[in-house]
N, C-alpha and C. Protein backbone atom coordinates (compact mmCIF):
# COMPACT_ATOMS: atom_id res chain seq x y z
N MET A 1 13.74 -3.67 -10.74
CA MET A 1 12.29 -3.69 -10.73
C MET A 1 11.79 -3.46 -9.31
N GLY A 2 10.98 -2.41 -9.13
CA GLY A 2 10.43 -2.11 -7.82
C GLY A 2 9.40 -3.13 -7.39
N VAL A 3 9.02 -3.09 -6.11
CA VAL A 3 8.09 -4.07 -5.54
C VAL A 3 6.88 -3.34 -4.97
N PRO A 4 5.67 -3.57 -5.51
CA PRO A 4 4.46 -3.04 -4.88
C PRO A 4 3.95 -4.00 -3.82
N VAL A 5 3.55 -3.47 -2.67
CA VAL A 5 3.02 -4.28 -1.58
C VAL A 5 1.69 -3.67 -1.14
N LEU A 6 0.70 -4.51 -0.91
CA LEU A 6 -0.64 -4.05 -0.56
C LEU A 6 -0.97 -4.39 0.88
N ILE A 7 -1.44 -3.39 1.62
CA ILE A 7 -1.92 -3.58 2.99
C ILE A 7 -3.39 -3.18 3.00
N ILE A 8 -4.29 -4.12 3.33
CA ILE A 8 -5.71 -3.81 3.33
C ILE A 8 -6.28 -3.99 4.73
N GLY A 9 -7.38 -3.31 4.99
CA GLY A 9 -8.02 -3.44 6.30
C GLY A 9 -9.10 -2.39 6.46
N ALA A 10 -9.99 -2.63 7.39
CA ALA A 10 -11.06 -1.68 7.67
C ALA A 10 -10.50 -0.38 8.25
N SER A 11 -11.27 0.67 8.17
CA SER A 11 -10.88 1.92 8.80
C SER A 11 -10.68 1.69 10.29
N GLY A 12 -9.56 2.16 10.83
CA GLY A 12 -9.28 1.98 12.24
C GLY A 12 -8.58 0.68 12.59
N SER A 13 -8.20 -0.09 11.58
CA SER A 13 -7.57 -1.39 11.84
C SER A 13 -6.06 -1.29 12.05
N GLY A 14 -5.48 -0.09 11.93
CA GLY A 14 -4.07 0.08 12.23
C GLY A 14 -3.15 0.21 11.04
N LYS A 15 -3.69 0.48 9.86
CA LYS A 15 -2.84 0.62 8.67
C LYS A 15 -1.91 1.82 8.81
N SER A 16 -2.46 2.98 9.09
CA SER A 16 -1.63 4.18 9.24
C SER A 16 -0.74 4.09 10.46
N THR A 17 -1.26 3.51 11.53
CA THR A 17 -0.47 3.35 12.76
C THR A 17 0.78 2.52 12.51
N SER A 18 0.74 1.65 11.53
CA SER A 18 1.90 0.78 11.25
C SER A 18 3.12 1.55 10.78
N LEU A 19 2.96 2.82 10.46
CA LEU A 19 4.09 3.66 10.00
C LEU A 19 4.91 4.21 11.17
N ARG A 20 4.48 3.99 12.38
CA ARG A 20 5.00 4.72 13.54
C ARG A 20 6.50 4.55 13.78
N ASN A 21 7.11 3.46 13.34
CA ASN A 21 8.52 3.22 13.64
C ASN A 21 9.46 3.69 12.54
N PHE A 22 8.93 4.17 11.43
CA PHE A 22 9.77 4.78 10.40
C PHE A 22 10.20 6.17 10.85
N THR A 23 11.36 6.62 10.39
CA THR A 23 11.75 8.02 10.54
C THR A 23 11.47 8.73 9.22
N GLU A 24 11.43 10.06 9.29
CA GLU A 24 11.05 10.83 8.10
C GLU A 24 12.04 10.68 6.96
N ASP A 25 13.31 10.38 7.28
CA ASP A 25 14.30 10.26 6.21
C ASP A 25 14.33 8.85 5.61
N GLU A 26 13.49 7.95 6.12
CA GLU A 26 13.48 6.59 5.60
C GLU A 26 12.42 6.35 4.53
N ILE A 27 11.32 7.10 4.59
CA ILE A 27 10.25 6.85 3.63
C ILE A 27 9.75 8.15 3.01
N GLY A 28 9.13 8.01 1.87
CA GLY A 28 8.38 9.09 1.25
C GLY A 28 6.91 8.77 1.42
N LEU A 29 6.16 9.63 2.09
CA LEU A 29 4.77 9.35 2.42
C LEU A 29 3.83 10.24 1.61
N PHE A 30 2.92 9.60 0.89
CA PHE A 30 1.84 10.29 0.20
C PHE A 30 0.57 10.04 1.03
N ASN A 31 0.07 11.08 1.66
CA ASN A 31 -1.12 11.00 2.51
C ASN A 31 -2.28 11.54 1.68
N VAL A 32 -2.99 10.65 0.99
CA VAL A 32 -3.98 11.07 0.01
C VAL A 32 -5.11 11.87 0.65
N SER A 33 -5.59 11.43 1.79
CA SER A 33 -6.70 12.14 2.43
C SER A 33 -6.25 13.34 3.24
N GLY A 34 -4.96 13.39 3.57
CA GLY A 34 -4.42 14.52 4.34
C GLY A 34 -4.76 14.49 5.81
N LYS A 35 -5.27 13.39 6.32
CA LYS A 35 -5.65 13.33 7.73
C LYS A 35 -4.40 13.27 8.63
N PRO A 36 -4.49 13.77 9.87
CA PRO A 36 -3.36 13.66 10.80
C PRO A 36 -3.04 12.19 11.06
N LEU A 37 -1.77 11.90 11.24
CA LEU A 37 -1.35 10.52 11.48
C LEU A 37 -1.65 10.13 12.94
N PRO A 38 -2.01 8.86 13.17
CA PRO A 38 -2.51 8.45 14.48
C PRO A 38 -1.42 8.01 15.46
N PHE A 39 -0.32 8.76 15.51
CA PHE A 39 0.70 8.47 16.51
C PHE A 39 1.45 9.76 16.82
N ARG A 40 2.06 9.81 18.01
CA ARG A 40 2.72 11.02 18.47
C ARG A 40 3.89 11.39 17.56
N GLY A 41 4.06 12.68 17.36
CA GLY A 41 5.17 13.16 16.54
C GLY A 41 4.83 13.29 15.08
N GLY A 42 3.92 12.44 14.61
CA GLY A 42 3.53 12.52 13.22
C GLY A 42 4.69 12.29 12.27
N MET A 43 4.57 12.80 11.06
CA MET A 43 5.59 12.61 10.03
C MET A 43 5.25 13.54 8.87
N LYS A 44 6.26 14.07 8.24
CA LYS A 44 6.02 14.91 7.07
C LYS A 44 5.46 14.06 5.93
N PHE A 45 4.57 14.66 5.16
CA PHE A 45 4.01 13.93 4.04
C PHE A 45 3.62 14.89 2.92
N ALA A 46 3.42 14.33 1.74
CA ALA A 46 2.89 15.08 0.62
C ALA A 46 1.43 14.71 0.44
N ARG A 47 0.56 15.69 0.33
CA ARG A 47 -0.84 15.39 0.07
C ARG A 47 -1.09 15.55 -1.42
N ILE A 48 -1.09 14.44 -2.12
CA ILE A 48 -1.35 14.42 -3.56
C ILE A 48 -2.45 13.41 -3.80
N THR A 49 -3.47 13.81 -4.54
CA THR A 49 -4.62 12.94 -4.75
C THR A 49 -4.70 12.38 -6.17
N ASP A 50 -3.83 12.83 -7.04
CA ASP A 50 -3.88 12.45 -8.44
C ASP A 50 -2.89 11.32 -8.73
N ALA A 51 -3.37 10.24 -9.34
CA ALA A 51 -2.52 9.07 -9.61
C ALA A 51 -1.34 9.42 -10.49
N ALA A 52 -1.54 10.23 -11.52
CA ALA A 52 -0.45 10.58 -12.43
C ALA A 52 0.62 11.40 -11.73
N LYS A 53 0.21 12.29 -10.82
CA LYS A 53 1.18 13.11 -10.10
C LYS A 53 1.98 12.28 -9.10
N ILE A 54 1.33 11.34 -8.43
CA ILE A 54 2.07 10.45 -7.53
C ILE A 54 3.05 9.61 -8.34
N ARG A 55 2.60 9.12 -9.47
CA ARG A 55 3.47 8.32 -10.34
C ARG A 55 4.70 9.11 -10.75
N ALA A 56 4.52 10.39 -11.08
CA ALA A 56 5.65 11.23 -11.47
C ALA A 56 6.60 11.45 -10.31
N GLN A 57 6.07 11.65 -9.11
CA GLN A 57 6.93 11.83 -7.94
C GLN A 57 7.72 10.57 -7.63
N LEU A 58 7.10 9.42 -7.77
CA LEU A 58 7.82 8.16 -7.55
C LEU A 58 8.97 8.01 -8.56
N ALA A 59 8.71 8.38 -9.80
CA ALA A 59 9.70 8.19 -10.86
C ALA A 59 10.94 9.03 -10.65
N LYS A 60 10.80 10.20 -10.04
CA LYS A 60 11.95 11.07 -9.85
C LYS A 60 12.49 11.05 -8.42
N GLY A 61 11.90 10.19 -7.58
CA GLY A 61 12.32 10.11 -6.19
C GLY A 61 13.60 9.32 -6.00
N SER A 62 14.18 9.43 -4.81
CA SER A 62 15.43 8.75 -4.50
C SER A 62 15.33 7.86 -3.27
N ARG A 63 14.14 7.71 -2.71
CA ARG A 63 13.96 6.86 -1.54
C ARG A 63 13.87 5.38 -1.95
N ARG A 64 14.08 4.52 -0.96
CA ARG A 64 13.91 3.09 -1.20
C ARG A 64 12.56 2.58 -0.69
N CYS A 65 11.81 3.45 -0.05
CA CYS A 65 10.52 3.04 0.50
C CYS A 65 9.53 4.20 0.38
N TYR A 66 8.36 3.91 -0.16
CA TYR A 66 7.29 4.89 -0.26
C TYR A 66 6.00 4.26 0.27
N VAL A 67 5.15 5.10 0.81
CA VAL A 67 3.85 4.65 1.31
C VAL A 67 2.78 5.56 0.72
N ILE A 68 1.73 4.96 0.16
CA ILE A 68 0.57 5.70 -0.32
C ILE A 68 -0.57 5.34 0.62
N ASP A 69 -0.87 6.25 1.54
CA ASP A 69 -1.86 5.96 2.59
C ASP A 69 -3.25 6.35 2.13
N ASP A 70 -4.20 5.46 2.42
CA ASP A 70 -5.58 5.63 1.96
C ASP A 70 -5.63 5.74 0.44
N ALA A 71 -4.93 4.81 -0.22
CA ALA A 71 -4.78 4.87 -1.68
C ALA A 71 -6.11 4.78 -2.40
N GLN A 72 -7.14 4.17 -1.79
CA GLN A 72 -8.43 4.06 -2.48
C GLN A 72 -9.06 5.42 -2.72
N TYR A 73 -8.65 6.43 -1.94
CA TYR A 73 -9.21 7.76 -2.14
C TYR A 73 -8.73 8.42 -3.43
N ILE A 74 -7.65 7.90 -4.00
CA ILE A 74 -7.24 8.39 -5.32
C ILE A 74 -8.40 8.22 -6.30
N MET A 75 -9.04 7.06 -6.22
CA MET A 75 -10.19 6.79 -7.10
C MET A 75 -11.42 7.58 -6.67
N SER A 76 -11.68 7.61 -5.37
CA SER A 76 -12.89 8.28 -4.87
C SER A 76 -12.87 9.77 -5.17
N PHE A 77 -11.73 10.42 -4.95
CA PHE A 77 -11.65 11.85 -5.18
C PHE A 77 -11.78 12.18 -6.67
N GLU A 78 -11.21 11.32 -7.53
CA GLU A 78 -11.36 11.58 -8.96
C GLU A 78 -12.81 11.43 -9.39
N GLU A 79 -13.50 10.47 -8.80
CA GLU A 79 -14.92 10.31 -9.13
C GLU A 79 -15.70 11.58 -8.81
N MET A 80 -15.40 12.19 -7.67
CA MET A 80 -16.13 13.37 -7.25
C MET A 80 -15.72 14.61 -8.04
N ASP A 81 -14.42 14.71 -8.38
CA ASP A 81 -13.89 15.96 -8.94
C ASP A 81 -13.84 15.99 -10.46
N SER A 82 -13.83 14.82 -11.10
CA SER A 82 -13.65 14.79 -12.55
C SER A 82 -14.86 15.36 -13.28
N LYS A 83 -14.57 16.09 -14.35
CA LYS A 83 -15.64 16.62 -15.19
C LYS A 83 -16.02 15.64 -16.30
N LEU A 84 -15.29 14.53 -16.38
CA LEU A 84 -15.62 13.51 -17.36
C LEU A 84 -16.92 12.81 -16.95
N THR A 85 -17.56 12.19 -17.91
CA THR A 85 -18.80 11.48 -17.63
C THR A 85 -18.76 10.10 -18.27
N GLY A 86 -19.67 9.24 -17.82
CA GLY A 86 -19.83 7.94 -18.45
C GLY A 86 -18.59 7.08 -18.43
N PHE A 87 -18.39 6.34 -19.52
CA PHE A 87 -17.25 5.43 -19.60
C PHE A 87 -15.92 6.15 -19.54
N ASP A 88 -15.88 7.39 -20.05
CA ASP A 88 -14.62 8.14 -20.01
C ASP A 88 -14.16 8.35 -18.57
N LYS A 89 -15.10 8.65 -17.69
CA LYS A 89 -14.75 8.86 -16.28
C LYS A 89 -14.21 7.57 -15.67
N TRP A 90 -14.95 6.47 -15.85
CA TRP A 90 -14.54 5.22 -15.21
C TRP A 90 -13.25 4.68 -15.80
N ASN A 91 -13.05 4.89 -17.10
CA ASN A 91 -11.78 4.48 -17.71
C ASN A 91 -10.62 5.26 -17.12
N SER A 92 -10.81 6.57 -16.94
CA SER A 92 -9.76 7.41 -16.37
C SER A 92 -9.43 6.98 -14.95
N ILE A 93 -10.45 6.70 -14.16
CA ILE A 93 -10.23 6.29 -12.77
C ILE A 93 -9.52 4.94 -12.72
N GLY A 94 -10.05 3.97 -13.42
CA GLY A 94 -9.51 2.62 -13.35
C GLY A 94 -8.12 2.49 -13.92
N TYR A 95 -7.95 2.96 -15.13
CA TYR A 95 -6.65 2.81 -15.76
C TYR A 95 -5.59 3.70 -15.13
N GLY A 96 -6.01 4.85 -14.57
CA GLY A 96 -5.06 5.70 -13.86
C GLY A 96 -4.51 5.01 -12.63
N PHE A 97 -5.38 4.35 -11.88
CA PHE A 97 -4.93 3.67 -10.66
C PHE A 97 -4.11 2.44 -11.00
N ILE A 98 -4.56 1.65 -11.94
CA ILE A 98 -3.80 0.47 -12.35
C ILE A 98 -2.44 0.89 -12.91
N GLY A 99 -2.41 1.97 -13.66
CA GLY A 99 -1.14 2.47 -14.19
C GLY A 99 -0.17 2.85 -13.08
N LEU A 100 -0.70 3.43 -12.00
CA LEU A 100 0.15 3.78 -10.85
C LEU A 100 0.76 2.53 -10.23
N VAL A 101 -0.06 1.51 -10.01
CA VAL A 101 0.45 0.26 -9.42
C VAL A 101 1.51 -0.36 -10.34
N ARG A 102 1.22 -0.44 -11.61
CA ARG A 102 2.15 -1.09 -12.55
C ARG A 102 3.44 -0.30 -12.71
N SER A 103 3.37 1.02 -12.51
CA SER A 103 4.57 1.85 -12.68
C SER A 103 5.63 1.54 -11.64
N VAL A 104 5.24 0.94 -10.52
CA VAL A 104 6.22 0.59 -9.48
C VAL A 104 7.27 -0.37 -10.04
N LEU A 105 6.87 -1.20 -10.98
CA LEU A 105 7.81 -2.16 -11.57
C LEU A 105 8.95 -1.46 -12.32
N ASP A 106 8.75 -0.22 -12.72
CA ASP A 106 9.77 0.53 -13.44
C ASP A 106 10.76 1.24 -12.52
N LEU A 107 10.53 1.19 -11.22
CA LEU A 107 11.41 1.84 -10.26
C LEU A 107 12.64 0.97 -10.00
N PRO A 108 13.70 1.53 -9.41
CA PRO A 108 14.88 0.73 -9.08
C PRO A 108 14.53 -0.49 -8.24
N GLY A 109 15.29 -1.55 -8.40
CA GLY A 109 14.95 -2.84 -7.82
C GLY A 109 14.92 -2.91 -6.31
N ASP A 110 15.50 -1.93 -5.62
CA ASP A 110 15.47 -1.96 -4.15
C ASP A 110 14.38 -1.04 -3.58
N THR A 111 13.44 -0.63 -4.44
CA THR A 111 12.36 0.26 -4.02
C THR A 111 11.10 -0.54 -3.72
N ILE A 112 10.51 -0.29 -2.58
CA ILE A 112 9.23 -0.90 -2.21
C ILE A 112 8.21 0.22 -2.04
N VAL A 113 7.04 0.04 -2.65
CA VAL A 113 5.95 1.01 -2.52
C VAL A 113 4.77 0.30 -1.87
N TYR A 114 4.34 0.81 -0.72
CA TYR A 114 3.23 0.23 0.02
C TYR A 114 1.94 0.99 -0.28
N PHE A 115 0.92 0.27 -0.70
CA PHE A 115 -0.40 0.83 -0.94
C PHE A 115 -1.28 0.42 0.24
N LEU A 116 -1.71 1.39 1.04
CA LEU A 116 -2.59 1.13 2.18
C LEU A 116 -4.01 1.44 1.75
N MET A 117 -4.89 0.42 1.79
CA MET A 117 -6.23 0.58 1.24
C MET A 117 -7.28 -0.02 2.17
N HIS A 118 -8.47 0.58 2.17
CA HIS A 118 -9.59 0.01 2.89
C HIS A 118 -9.98 -1.32 2.26
N SER A 119 -10.63 -2.15 3.05
CA SER A 119 -11.10 -3.45 2.56
C SER A 119 -12.60 -3.43 2.35
N GLU A 120 -13.08 -4.36 1.55
CA GLU A 120 -14.50 -4.55 1.33
C GLU A 120 -14.74 -6.03 1.04
N VAL A 121 -15.98 -6.45 1.13
CA VAL A 121 -16.32 -7.84 0.82
C VAL A 121 -16.61 -7.94 -0.67
N GLY A 122 -15.88 -8.82 -1.35
CA GLY A 122 -16.07 -9.00 -2.78
C GLY A 122 -17.29 -9.86 -3.09
N ASP A 123 -17.57 -10.01 -4.38
CA ASP A 123 -18.72 -10.80 -4.80
C ASP A 123 -18.60 -12.26 -4.37
N ASP A 124 -17.36 -12.73 -4.17
CA ASP A 124 -17.16 -14.11 -3.75
C ASP A 124 -17.17 -14.28 -2.23
N GLY A 125 -17.46 -13.18 -1.51
CA GLY A 125 -17.54 -13.25 -0.05
C GLY A 125 -16.22 -13.06 0.66
N ARG A 126 -15.13 -12.87 -0.09
CA ARG A 126 -13.82 -12.70 0.54
C ARG A 126 -13.53 -11.22 0.73
N LEU A 127 -12.74 -10.90 1.77
CA LEU A 127 -12.28 -9.53 1.97
C LEU A 127 -11.22 -9.21 0.94
N LYS A 128 -11.34 -8.05 0.31
CA LYS A 128 -10.44 -7.62 -0.74
C LYS A 128 -10.20 -6.12 -0.63
N ALA A 129 -9.31 -5.61 -1.46
CA ALA A 129 -9.09 -4.16 -1.50
C ALA A 129 -10.32 -3.46 -2.04
N LYS A 130 -10.68 -2.34 -1.44
CA LYS A 130 -11.84 -1.57 -1.88
C LYS A 130 -11.51 -0.84 -3.17
N THR A 131 -12.30 -1.06 -4.20
CA THR A 131 -12.11 -0.38 -5.48
C THR A 131 -13.35 0.45 -5.77
N LEU A 132 -13.44 0.96 -6.99
CA LEU A 132 -14.55 1.85 -7.34
C LEU A 132 -15.13 1.40 -8.67
N GLY A 133 -16.44 1.25 -8.70
CA GLY A 133 -17.07 0.79 -9.93
C GLY A 133 -16.67 -0.65 -10.22
N LYS A 134 -16.85 -1.09 -11.44
CA LYS A 134 -16.55 -2.46 -11.82
C LYS A 134 -15.40 -2.58 -12.81
N LEU A 135 -14.86 -1.44 -13.27
CA LEU A 135 -13.84 -1.52 -14.31
C LEU A 135 -12.63 -2.32 -13.84
N ILE A 136 -12.11 -2.00 -12.65
CA ILE A 136 -10.94 -2.73 -12.16
C ILE A 136 -11.28 -4.18 -11.89
N ASP A 137 -12.39 -4.43 -11.19
CA ASP A 137 -12.73 -5.80 -10.82
C ASP A 137 -13.07 -6.66 -12.03
N ASN A 138 -13.61 -6.06 -13.09
CA ASN A 138 -13.95 -6.83 -14.28
C ASN A 138 -12.75 -7.15 -15.15
N HIS A 139 -11.70 -6.34 -15.06
CA HIS A 139 -10.54 -6.53 -15.92
C HIS A 139 -9.30 -7.04 -15.19
N TYR A 140 -9.25 -6.80 -13.89
CA TYR A 140 -8.06 -7.17 -13.12
C TYR A 140 -8.49 -7.80 -11.79
N THR A 141 -7.68 -8.68 -11.29
CA THR A 141 -7.70 -9.00 -9.87
C THR A 141 -6.62 -8.12 -9.26
N LEU A 142 -7.03 -7.05 -8.61
CA LEU A 142 -6.06 -6.04 -8.16
C LEU A 142 -4.94 -6.67 -7.35
N GLU A 143 -5.29 -7.58 -6.44
CA GLU A 143 -4.28 -8.21 -5.60
C GLU A 143 -3.28 -9.02 -6.42
N GLY A 144 -3.66 -9.42 -7.64
CA GLY A 144 -2.74 -10.16 -8.49
C GLY A 144 -1.55 -9.35 -8.96
N LEU A 145 -1.65 -8.02 -8.84
CA LEU A 145 -0.54 -7.14 -9.23
C LEU A 145 0.47 -6.97 -8.09
N PHE A 146 0.18 -7.54 -6.93
CA PHE A 146 1.04 -7.39 -5.76
C PHE A 146 1.57 -8.76 -5.33
N PRO A 147 2.88 -8.89 -5.12
CA PRO A 147 3.42 -10.17 -4.66
C PRO A 147 3.19 -10.42 -3.17
N VAL A 148 2.88 -9.36 -2.42
CA VAL A 148 2.61 -9.47 -0.99
C VAL A 148 1.35 -8.67 -0.68
N VAL A 149 0.39 -9.32 -0.02
CA VAL A 149 -0.84 -8.67 0.43
C VAL A 149 -1.05 -9.05 1.89
N LEU A 150 -1.07 -8.06 2.77
CA LEU A 150 -1.30 -8.31 4.20
C LEU A 150 -2.60 -7.66 4.64
N MET A 151 -3.21 -8.23 5.67
CA MET A 151 -4.46 -7.69 6.20
C MET A 151 -4.24 -7.10 7.59
N ALA A 152 -4.66 -5.85 7.77
CA ALA A 152 -4.59 -5.20 9.08
C ALA A 152 -5.84 -5.56 9.87
N ASN A 153 -5.63 -5.93 11.14
CA ASN A 153 -6.72 -6.32 12.03
C ASN A 153 -6.54 -5.63 13.38
N SER A 154 -7.63 -5.51 14.13
CA SER A 154 -7.51 -4.86 15.44
C SER A 154 -8.61 -5.32 16.38
N THR A 155 -8.29 -5.28 17.66
CA THR A 155 -9.27 -5.40 18.74
C THR A 155 -8.97 -4.25 19.70
N LYS A 156 -9.68 -4.20 20.81
CA LYS A 156 -9.37 -3.17 21.81
C LYS A 156 -8.00 -3.38 22.42
N GLU A 157 -7.51 -4.62 22.38
CA GLU A 157 -6.25 -4.95 23.04
C GLU A 157 -5.03 -4.80 22.13
N ARG A 158 -5.18 -5.01 20.82
CA ARG A 158 -3.98 -5.02 19.98
C ARG A 158 -4.33 -4.79 18.51
N HIS A 159 -3.26 -4.51 17.74
CA HIS A 159 -3.34 -4.42 16.28
C HIS A 159 -2.34 -5.41 15.71
N TRP A 160 -2.69 -6.02 14.58
CA TRP A 160 -1.76 -6.98 13.97
C TRP A 160 -2.01 -7.10 12.47
N PHE A 161 -1.02 -7.66 11.77
CA PHE A 161 -1.15 -8.01 10.36
C PHE A 161 -1.33 -9.52 10.23
N THR A 162 -2.24 -9.93 9.37
CA THR A 162 -2.38 -11.34 9.01
C THR A 162 -1.54 -11.60 7.76
N THR A 163 -0.74 -12.66 7.78
CA THR A 163 0.17 -12.96 6.67
C THR A 163 -0.21 -14.21 5.91
N VAL A 164 -1.20 -14.96 6.42
CA VAL A 164 -1.60 -16.23 5.81
C VAL A 164 -3.07 -16.18 5.44
N ASN A 165 -3.39 -16.67 4.27
CA ASN A 165 -4.77 -16.66 3.80
C ASN A 165 -5.56 -17.79 4.45
N ASP A 166 -6.68 -17.42 5.09
CA ASP A 166 -7.52 -18.43 5.72
C ASP A 166 -8.69 -18.83 4.84
N GLY A 167 -8.67 -18.39 3.58
CA GLY A 167 -9.75 -18.68 2.65
C GLY A 167 -10.81 -17.61 2.60
N GLY A 168 -10.78 -16.67 3.53
CA GLY A 168 -11.79 -15.63 3.57
C GLY A 168 -11.28 -14.26 3.15
N SER A 169 -10.07 -14.21 2.60
CA SER A 169 -9.49 -12.93 2.20
C SER A 169 -8.58 -13.13 0.99
N THR A 170 -7.92 -12.06 0.58
CA THR A 170 -6.98 -12.12 -0.54
C THR A 170 -5.53 -12.00 -0.06
N VAL A 171 -5.30 -12.25 1.23
CA VAL A 171 -3.95 -12.18 1.81
C VAL A 171 -3.03 -13.19 1.13
N LYS A 172 -1.78 -12.78 0.92
CA LYS A 172 -0.79 -13.72 0.39
C LYS A 172 0.60 -13.20 0.69
N ALA A 173 1.55 -14.13 0.81
CA ALA A 173 2.97 -13.80 0.99
C ALA A 173 3.77 -15.02 0.56
N PRO A 174 4.97 -14.83 0.02
CA PRO A 174 5.80 -15.97 -0.36
C PRO A 174 6.08 -16.88 0.84
N MET A 175 6.19 -18.15 0.56
CA MET A 175 6.44 -19.13 1.62
C MET A 175 7.72 -18.80 2.36
N GLY A 176 7.65 -18.70 3.68
CA GLY A 176 8.83 -18.46 4.50
C GLY A 176 9.20 -17.01 4.69
N MET A 177 8.48 -16.08 4.06
CA MET A 177 8.81 -14.66 4.23
C MET A 177 8.52 -14.22 5.66
N PHE A 178 7.39 -14.68 6.21
CA PHE A 178 7.01 -14.35 7.57
C PHE A 178 6.87 -15.65 8.36
N GLU A 179 7.41 -15.66 9.57
CA GLU A 179 7.43 -16.88 10.36
C GLU A 179 6.09 -17.19 11.01
N GLN A 180 5.26 -16.17 11.20
CA GLN A 180 4.00 -16.37 11.90
C GLN A 180 2.82 -15.91 11.06
N ALA A 181 1.66 -16.48 11.33
CA ALA A 181 0.44 -16.10 10.62
C ALA A 181 -0.05 -14.73 11.05
N GLU A 182 0.30 -14.32 12.27
CA GLU A 182 -0.05 -13.00 12.78
C GLU A 182 1.20 -12.32 13.30
N ILE A 183 1.46 -11.10 12.84
CA ILE A 183 2.63 -10.35 13.26
C ILE A 183 2.20 -8.96 13.71
N ASP A 184 3.08 -8.29 14.45
CA ASP A 184 2.78 -6.93 14.91
C ASP A 184 2.57 -6.02 13.70
N ASN A 185 1.68 -5.05 13.85
CA ASN A 185 1.43 -4.13 12.73
C ASN A 185 2.53 -3.06 12.68
N ASP A 186 3.71 -3.50 12.38
CA ASP A 186 4.90 -2.65 12.29
C ASP A 186 5.40 -2.74 10.85
N LEU A 187 5.08 -1.72 10.04
CA LEU A 187 5.43 -1.78 8.63
C LEU A 187 6.93 -1.72 8.40
N LYS A 188 7.66 -1.12 9.32
CA LYS A 188 9.11 -1.11 9.18
C LYS A 188 9.68 -2.52 9.34
N ALA A 189 9.13 -3.30 10.25
CA ALA A 189 9.56 -4.68 10.41
C ALA A 189 9.17 -5.52 9.19
N VAL A 190 7.99 -5.24 8.63
CA VAL A 190 7.57 -5.91 7.39
C VAL A 190 8.55 -5.58 6.28
N ASP A 191 8.93 -4.31 6.17
CA ASP A 191 9.87 -3.88 5.14
C ASP A 191 11.20 -4.63 5.28
N ALA A 192 11.68 -4.77 6.50
CA ALA A 192 12.95 -5.48 6.74
C ALA A 192 12.83 -6.94 6.32
N ALA A 193 11.68 -7.57 6.61
CA ALA A 193 11.48 -8.97 6.25
C ALA A 193 11.46 -9.16 4.74
N ILE A 194 10.80 -8.26 4.03
CA ILE A 194 10.74 -8.36 2.57
C ILE A 194 12.12 -8.17 1.96
N ARG A 195 12.88 -7.17 2.46
CA ARG A 195 14.21 -6.93 1.93
C ARG A 195 15.13 -8.11 2.21
N SER A 196 15.03 -8.70 3.38
CA SER A 196 15.85 -9.85 3.70
C SER A 196 15.51 -11.04 2.79
N TYR A 197 14.22 -11.27 2.58
CA TYR A 197 13.77 -12.42 1.80
C TYR A 197 14.25 -12.36 0.36
N TRP A 198 14.16 -11.18 -0.25
CA TRP A 198 14.52 -11.04 -1.66
C TRP A 198 15.91 -10.44 -1.89
N GLY A 199 16.66 -10.23 -0.82
CA GLY A 199 18.01 -9.72 -0.96
C GLY A 199 18.07 -8.30 -1.49
N LEU A 200 17.09 -7.47 -1.12
CA LEU A 200 17.07 -6.07 -1.55
C LEU A 200 17.99 -5.24 -0.66
N ALA A 201 18.42 -4.10 -1.17
CA ALA A 201 19.23 -3.18 -0.38
C ALA A 201 18.46 -2.75 0.86
N PRO A 202 19.15 -2.48 1.97
CA PRO A 202 18.45 -2.05 3.20
C PRO A 202 17.74 -0.73 3.00
N LEU A 203 16.94 -0.37 3.97
CA LEU A 203 16.11 0.82 3.88
C LEU A 203 16.95 2.07 3.61
N THR A 204 18.08 2.20 4.30
CA THR A 204 18.97 3.34 4.11
C THR A 204 20.41 2.86 4.07
N ASP A 205 21.29 3.69 3.51
CA ASP A 205 22.71 3.33 3.48
C ASP A 205 23.29 3.27 4.88
N ASN A 206 22.81 4.11 5.79
CA ASN A 206 23.27 4.07 7.17
C ASN A 206 23.00 2.73 7.81
N GLU A 207 21.83 2.17 7.49
CA GLU A 207 21.46 0.86 8.02
C GLU A 207 22.45 -0.20 7.54
N LYS A 208 22.88 -0.07 6.28
CA LYS A 208 23.83 -1.04 5.73
C LYS A 208 25.17 -0.95 6.44
N LYS A 209 25.62 0.27 6.74
CA LYS A 209 26.92 0.46 7.41
C LYS A 209 26.90 -0.06 8.84
N GLU A 210 25.72 0.06 9.49
CA GLU A 210 25.64 -0.35 10.89
C GLU A 210 25.49 -1.85 11.05
N SER A 211 25.06 -2.53 10.01
CA SER A 211 24.80 -3.97 10.11
C SER A 211 26.07 -4.78 9.96
């Protein structure tokens, strides 16, 4: 059973930057918006905006780590491009995205898929993943589908992930997975911590041989 992980944060908070320490052969990157990556050297990526097509690529892939960057745009682009109207449109958007998240559970057990999404303030005043319309929020607590939810934060001096819920967000992580409430925004280090905690296979076979 694969593991979906959610990273939320405002635009510019360091979500994409957190990919900087991965190598191209370690992850499969879906860059939904197609924007250049914010670090030197960049990284190869697939620009796919359709939830069903990303789901199909995940199902036939062989990587142990995938990242869907700016995942909320999957919903936004469908809203703009779809010829459907009314409830049919919103059902397609909502259930398509939820289906993508749930499909991660059907992947091999050492696979982690990271959903990087913008944040917004929910009706209860807490920071949450940005969704579209009310279909998802009325039927699901999106963060409830993820066992790990981290918040990206930034100042002029640094970028970091928050791992502990202070009551004002939907952040969560299993007890003892992360030693500190604030950690460097290094998604590769996060990946290593999750694999260590749950006893998942390392990111690559080479990593296993070297350890």
